[in-house]
Amino acid sequence: MVVDTSLSGARVARERSALTRIYGKPGGIVSDNETEFTSRAILKRADENTVPWHYVDPGKPRQKAVLESFNGSLRDKLVNEEIFDSLDDARRKLALWRYVYNTVRPHSSLDNQPPLQARWALEQFDGSAPGALAPDGEPEYPDPTCRLSL
């Protein structure tokens, strides 16, 4: 999750590449038709990495229901409840909210466990959690000033 005043397609592509280095290449990506997801930078990066990119039909939020549900939780529990004094304040509050969401808050879809606890249970059950570990070695960022924001 990135907090900034605006996000260009190039920035979204760079952040997505950073996530790919950490978690591996996704099988596909589903997004809406916002300008940051339809830019040349995104299309070029998706084509270079041979990642299928699917755009939902305009006006059909149910095609990305999981994301809409997450966005609703983020909006209801953080954005509508907090006053952000600065971008740094927003980043700190988002980082804390994300920590609670992933490690403390029970999710009904995960037998009322937080995601981190559910992942541990999966690792204990079958010995692994696909995509759980970042690959060995140091990541190579295209821009030395580039960093993944919370």
C-alpha atoms as a PDB file:
ATOM      1  CA  MET A   1       0.000   0.000   0.000  1.00  0.00           C
ATOM      2  CA  VAL A   2       1.475   3.280  -1.115  1.00  0.00           C
ATOM      3  CA  VAL A   3       0.552   6.668   0.300  1.00  0.00           C
ATOM      4  CA  ASP A   4       1.263   9.702  -1.848  1.00  0.00           C
ATOM      5  CA  THR A   5      -0.470  12.731  -3.316  1.00  0.00           C
ATOM      6  CA  SER A   6      -0.772  10.983  -6.682  1.00  0.00           C
ATOM      7  CA  LEU A   7       0.516   7.825  -8.343  1.00  0.00           C
ATOM      8  CA  SER A   8       1.666   7.726 -11.944  1.00  0.00           C
ATOM      9  CA  GLY A   9       1.594   4.597 -14.046  1.00  0.00           C
ATOM     10  CA  ALA A  10       5.400   4.474 -13.885  1.00  0.00           C
ATOM     11  CA  ARG A  11       5.269   4.554 -10.079  1.00  0.00           C
ATOM     12  CA  VAL A  12       2.655   1.799  -9.979  1.00  0.00           C
ATOM     13  CA  ALA A  13       4.792  -0.301 -12.348  1.00  0.00           C
ATOM     14  CA  ARG A  14       7.871   0.255 -10.172  1.00  0.00           C
ATOM     15  CA  GLU A  15       6.022  -0.674  -6.973  1.00  0.00           C
ATOM     16  CA  ARG A  16       4.570  -3.777  -8.653  1.00  0.00           C
ATOM     17  CA  SER A  17       8.058  -4.820  -9.751  1.00  0.00           C
ATOM     18  CA  ALA A  18       9.287  -4.472  -6.167  1.00  0.00           C
ATOM     19  CA  LEU A  19       6.456  -6.742  -4.978  1.00  0.00           C
ATOM     20  CA  THR A  20       7.308  -9.258  -7.707  1.00  0.00           C
ATOM     21  CA  ARG A  21      10.900  -9.396  -6.468  1.00  0.00           C
ATOM     22  CA  ILE A  22       9.668 -10.110  -2.942  1.00  0.00           C
ATOM     23  CA  TYR A  23       6.754 -12.482  -3.583  1.00  0.00           C
ATOM     24  CA  GLY A  24       7.418 -13.827  -7.070  1.00  0.00           C
ATOM     25  CA  LYS A  25       5.628 -13.319 -10.356  1.00  0.00           C
ATOM     26  CA  PRO A  26       1.829 -13.373 -10.106  1.00  0.00           C
ATOM     27  CA  GLY A  27      -0.212 -15.667 -12.300  1.00  0.00           C
ATOM     28  CA  GLY A  28      -2.228 -12.661 -13.440  1.00  0.00           C
ATOM     29  CA  ILE A  29      -3.433  -9.234 -12.412  1.00  0.00           C
ATOM     30  CA  VAL A  30      -6.980  -7.875 -12.293  1.00  0.00           C
ATOM     31  CA  SER A  31      -7.487  -4.120 -12.138  1.00  0.00           C
ATOM     32  CA  ASP A  32      -9.944  -1.413 -12.981  1.00  0.00           C
ATOM     33  CA  ASN A  33      -9.503   1.027 -15.839  1.00  0.00           C
ATOM     34  CA  GLU A  34      -8.065   3.958 -13.901  1.00  0.00           C
ATOM     35  CA  THR A  35      -5.376   5.925 -15.716  1.00  0.00           C
ATOM     36  CA  GLU A  36      -2.531   4.654 -13.533  1.00  0.00           C
ATOM     37  CA  PHE A  37      -3.421   1.072 -14.574  1.00  0.00           C
ATOM     38  CA  THR A  38      -3.825   1.773 -18.277  1.00  0.00           C
ATOM     39  CA  SER A  39      -0.633   3.764 -18.808  1.00  0.00           C
ATOM     40  CA  ARG A  40       2.098   2.810 -21.254  1.00  0.00           C
ATOM     41  CA  ALA A  41       4.430   2.060 -18.327  1.00  0.00           C
ATOM     42  CA  ILE A  42       2.063  -0.566 -16.908  1.00  0.00           C
ATOM     43  CA  LEU A  43       1.311  -2.135 -20.282  1.00  0.00           C
ATOM     44  CA  LYS A  44       5.023  -2.269 -21.136  1.00  0.00           C
ATOM     45  CA  ARG A  45       5.969  -3.836 -17.790  1.00  0.00           C
ATOM     46  CA  ALA A  46       3.168  -6.411 -18.011  1.00  0.00           C
ATOM     47  CA  ASP A  47       4.206  -7.299 -21.560  1.00  0.00           C
ATOM     48  CA  GLU A  48       7.904  -7.613 -20.615  1.00  0.00           C
ATOM     49  CA  ASN A  49       7.070  -9.903 -17.702  1.00  0.00           C
ATOM     50  CA  THR A  50       4.428 -11.887 -19.632  1.00  0.00           C
ATOM     51  CA  VAL A  51       1.922 -11.395 -16.823  1.00  0.00           C
ATOM     52  CA  PRO A  52      -1.689 -11.586 -18.024  1.00  0.00           C
ATOM     53  CA  TRP A  53      -3.498  -8.350 -17.180  1.00  0.00           C
ATOM     54  CA  HIS A  54      -7.286  -8.338 -17.042  1.00  0.00           C
ATOM     55  CA  TYR A  55      -9.304  -5.141 -16.819  1.00  0.00           C
ATOM     56  CA  VAL A  56     -12.732  -5.396 -15.224  1.00  0.00           C
ATOM     57  CA  ASP A  57     -15.644  -4.085 -17.219  1.00  0.00           C
ATOM     58  CA  PRO A  58     -16.450  -0.430 -16.433  1.00  0.00           C
ATOM     59  CA  GLY A  59     -19.186  -0.148 -13.826  1.00  0.00           C
ATOM     60  CA  LYS A  60     -18.798  -3.797 -12.701  1.00  0.00           C
ATOM     61  CA  PRO A  61     -17.129  -3.668  -9.258  1.00  0.00           C
ATOM     62  CA  ARG A  62     -18.299  -7.221  -8.516  1.00  0.00           C
ATOM     63  CA  GLN A  63     -15.629  -8.463 -10.916  1.00  0.00           C
ATOM     64  CA  LYS A  64     -13.096  -7.443  -8.265  1.00  0.00           C
ATOM     65  CA  ALA A  65     -15.221  -8.081  -5.184  1.00  0.00           C
ATOM     66  CA  VAL A  66     -12.366  -9.117  -2.873  1.00  0.00           C
ATOM     67  CA  LEU A  67     -10.503  -5.881  -3.567  1.00  0.00           C
ATOM     68  CA  GLU A  68     -13.672  -3.812  -3.164  1.00  0.00           C
ATOM     69  CA  SER A  69     -14.300  -5.496   0.202  1.00  0.00           C
ATOM     70  CA  PHE A  70     -10.747  -4.736   1.336  1.00  0.00           C
ATOM     71  CA  ASN A  71     -11.030  -1.118   0.149  1.00  0.00           C
ATOM     72  CA  GLY A  72     -14.294  -0.792   2.083  1.00  0.00           C
ATOM     73  CA  SER A  73     -12.608  -2.021   5.274  1.00  0.00           C
ATOM     74  CA  LEU A  74      -9.685   0.347   4.738  1.00  0.00           C
ATOM     75  CA  ARG A  75     -12.027   3.266   4.123  1.00  0.00           C
ATOM     76  CA  ASP A  76     -14.379   2.476   7.065  1.00  0.00           C
ATOM     77  CA  LYS A  77     -11.728   1.648   9.658  1.00  0.00           C
ATOM     78  CA  LEU A  78      -8.972   4.091   8.735  1.00  0.00           C
ATOM     79  CA  VAL A  79      -9.636   6.756   6.124  1.00  0.00           C
ATOM     80  CA  ASN A  80     -13.031   7.855   7.468  1.00  0.00           C
ATOM     81  CA  GLU A  81     -11.894   7.665  11.109  1.00  0.00           C
ATOM     82  CA  GLU A  82      -8.567   9.486  11.057  1.00  0.00           C
ATOM     83  CA  ILE A  83      -7.296  12.972  10.348  1.00  0.00           C
ATOM     84  CA  PHE A  84      -3.933  12.896   8.610  1.00  0.00           C
ATOM     85  CA  ASP A  85      -1.619  15.784   9.414  1.00  0.00           C
ATOM     86  CA  SER A  86       0.893  14.947   6.680  1.00  0.00           C
ATOM     87  CA  LEU A  87       1.906  12.220   4.250  1.00  0.00           C
ATOM     88  CA  ASP A  88       4.273  10.815   6.883  1.00  0.00           C
ATOM     89  CA  ASP A  89       1.425  10.731   9.416  1.00  0.00           C
ATOM     90  CA  ALA A  90      -0.782   8.932   6.878  1.00  0.00           C
ATOM     91  CA  ARG A  91       2.013   6.422   6.156  1.00  0.00           C
ATOM     92  CA  ARG A  92       2.493   5.709   9.883  1.00  0.00           C
ATOM     93  CA  LYS A  93      -1.223   5.251  10.500  1.00  0.00           C
ATOM     94  CA  LEU A  94      -1.588   3.031   7.436  1.00  0.00           C
ATOM     95  CA  ALA A  95       1.378   0.887   8.550  1.00  0.00           C
ATOM     96  CA  LEU A  96      -0.211   0.408  11.978  1.00  0.00           C
ATOM     97  CA  TRP A  97      -3.619  -0.369  10.457  1.00  0.00           C
ATOM     98  CA  ARG A  98      -2.014  -2.900   8.093  1.00  0.00           C
ATOM     99  CA  TYR A  99      -0.206  -4.576  10.997  1.00  0.00           C
ATOM    100  CA  VAL A 100      -3.464  -4.940  12.957  1.00  0.00           C
ATOM    101  CA  TYR A 101      -5.361  -6.104   9.840  1.00  0.00           C
ATOM    102  CA  ASN A 102      -2.814  -8.842   9.104  1.00  0.00           C
ATOM    103  CA  THR A 103      -1.770  -9.973  12.589  1.00  0.00           C
ATOM    104  CA  VAL A 104      -4.520  -9.135  15.094  1.00  0.00           C
ATOM    105  CA  ARG A 105      -7.924  -8.708  13.408  1.00  0.00           C
ATOM    106  CA  PRO A 106      -9.799 -12.008  12.881  1.00  0.00           C
ATOM    107  CA  HIS A 107     -11.108 -12.641   9.361  1.00  0.00           C
ATOM    108  CA  SER A 108     -14.291 -14.664   9.009  1.00  0.00           C
ATOM    109  CA  SER A 109     -13.048 -16.144   5.728  1.00  0.00           C
ATOM    110  CA  LEU A 110     -10.046 -17.620   7.607  1.00  0.00           C
ATOM    111  CA  ASP A 111     -12.000 -19.339  10.424  1.00  0.00           C
ATOM    112  CA  ASN A 112     -11.774 -16.133  12.467  1.00  0.00           C
ATOM    113  CA  GLN A 113      -7.986 -16.122  12.415  1.00  0.00           C
ATOM    114  CA  PRO A 114      -5.771 -13.220  11.387  1.00  0.00           C
ATOM    115  CA  PRO A 115      -4.016 -13.815   8.045  1.00  0.00           C
ATOM    116  CA  LEU A 116      -0.618 -14.316   9.674  1.00  0.00           C
ATOM    117  CA  GLN A 117      -1.963 -17.037  11.968  1.00  0.00           C
ATOM    118  CA  ALA A 118      -3.754 -18.700   9.027  1.00  0.00           C
ATOM    119  CA  ARG A 119      -0.490 -18.721   7.041  1.00  0.00           C
ATOM    120  CA  TRP A 120       1.353 -20.337   9.969  1.00  0.00           C
ATOM    121  CA  ALA A 121      -1.382 -22.983  10.159  1.00  0.00           C
ATOM    122  CA  LEU A 122      -1.004 -23.671   6.435  1.00  0.00           C
ATOM    123  CA  GLU A 123       2.766 -23.995   6.802  1.00  0.00           C
ATOM    124  CA  GLN A 124       2.303 -26.478   9.653  1.00  0.00           C
ATOM    125  CA  PHE A 125      -0.339 -28.451   7.745  1.00  0.00           C
ATOM    126  CA  ASP A 126       1.424 -28.949   4.419  1.00  0.00           C
ATOM    127  CA  GLY A 127       4.951 -27.748   5.145  1.00  0.00           C
ATOM    128  CA  SER A 128       4.802 -24.625   3.017  1.00  0.00           C
ATOM    129  CA  ALA A 129       2.836 -21.570   2.099  1.00  0.00           C
ATOM    130  CA  PRO A 130       3.229 -20.828  -1.625  1.00  0.00           C
ATOM    131  CA  GLY A 131       4.945 -17.535  -2.201  1.00  0.00           C
ATOM    132  CA  ALA A 132       5.591 -17.027   1.513  1.00  0.00           C
ATOM    133  CA  LEU A 133       9.297 -16.372   1.254  1.00  0.00           C
ATOM    134  CA  ALA A 134      11.224 -13.842  -0.754  1.00  0.00           C
ATOM    135  CA  PRO A 135      13.883 -15.294  -3.052  1.00  0.00           C
ATOM    136  CA  ASP A 136      17.483 -15.408  -1.843  1.00  0.00           C
ATOM    137  CA  GLY A 137      19.828 -12.581  -2.751  1.00  0.00           C
ATOM    138  CA  GLU A 138      19.662  -8.836  -2.705  1.00  0.00           C
ATOM    139  CA  PRO A 139      16.930  -7.147  -4.765  1.00  0.00           C
ATOM    140  CA  GLU A 140      18.096  -4.967  -7.615  1.00  0.00           C
ATOM    141  CA  TYR A 141      16.073  -1.795  -7.778  1.00  0.00           C
ATOM    142  CA  PRO A 142      15.958   0.097 -11.062  1.00  0.00           C
ATOM    143  CA  ASP A 143      16.294   3.371  -9.187  1.00  0.00           C
ATOM    144  CA  PRO A 144      18.581   3.533  -6.114  1.00  0.00           C
ATOM    145  CA  THR A 145      16.238   6.052  -4.496  1.00  0.00           C
ATOM    146  CA  CYS A 146      13.247   3.762  -5.076  1.00  0.00           C
ATOM    147  CA  ARG A 147      11.773   2.183  -1.979  1.00  0.00           C
ATOM    148  CA  LEU A 148       8.574   0.383  -1.260  1.00  0.00           C
ATOM    149  CA  SER A 149       6.302   2.537   0.878  1.00  0.00           C
ATOM    150  CA  LEU A 150       3.762   1.306   3.373  1.00  0.00           C
END
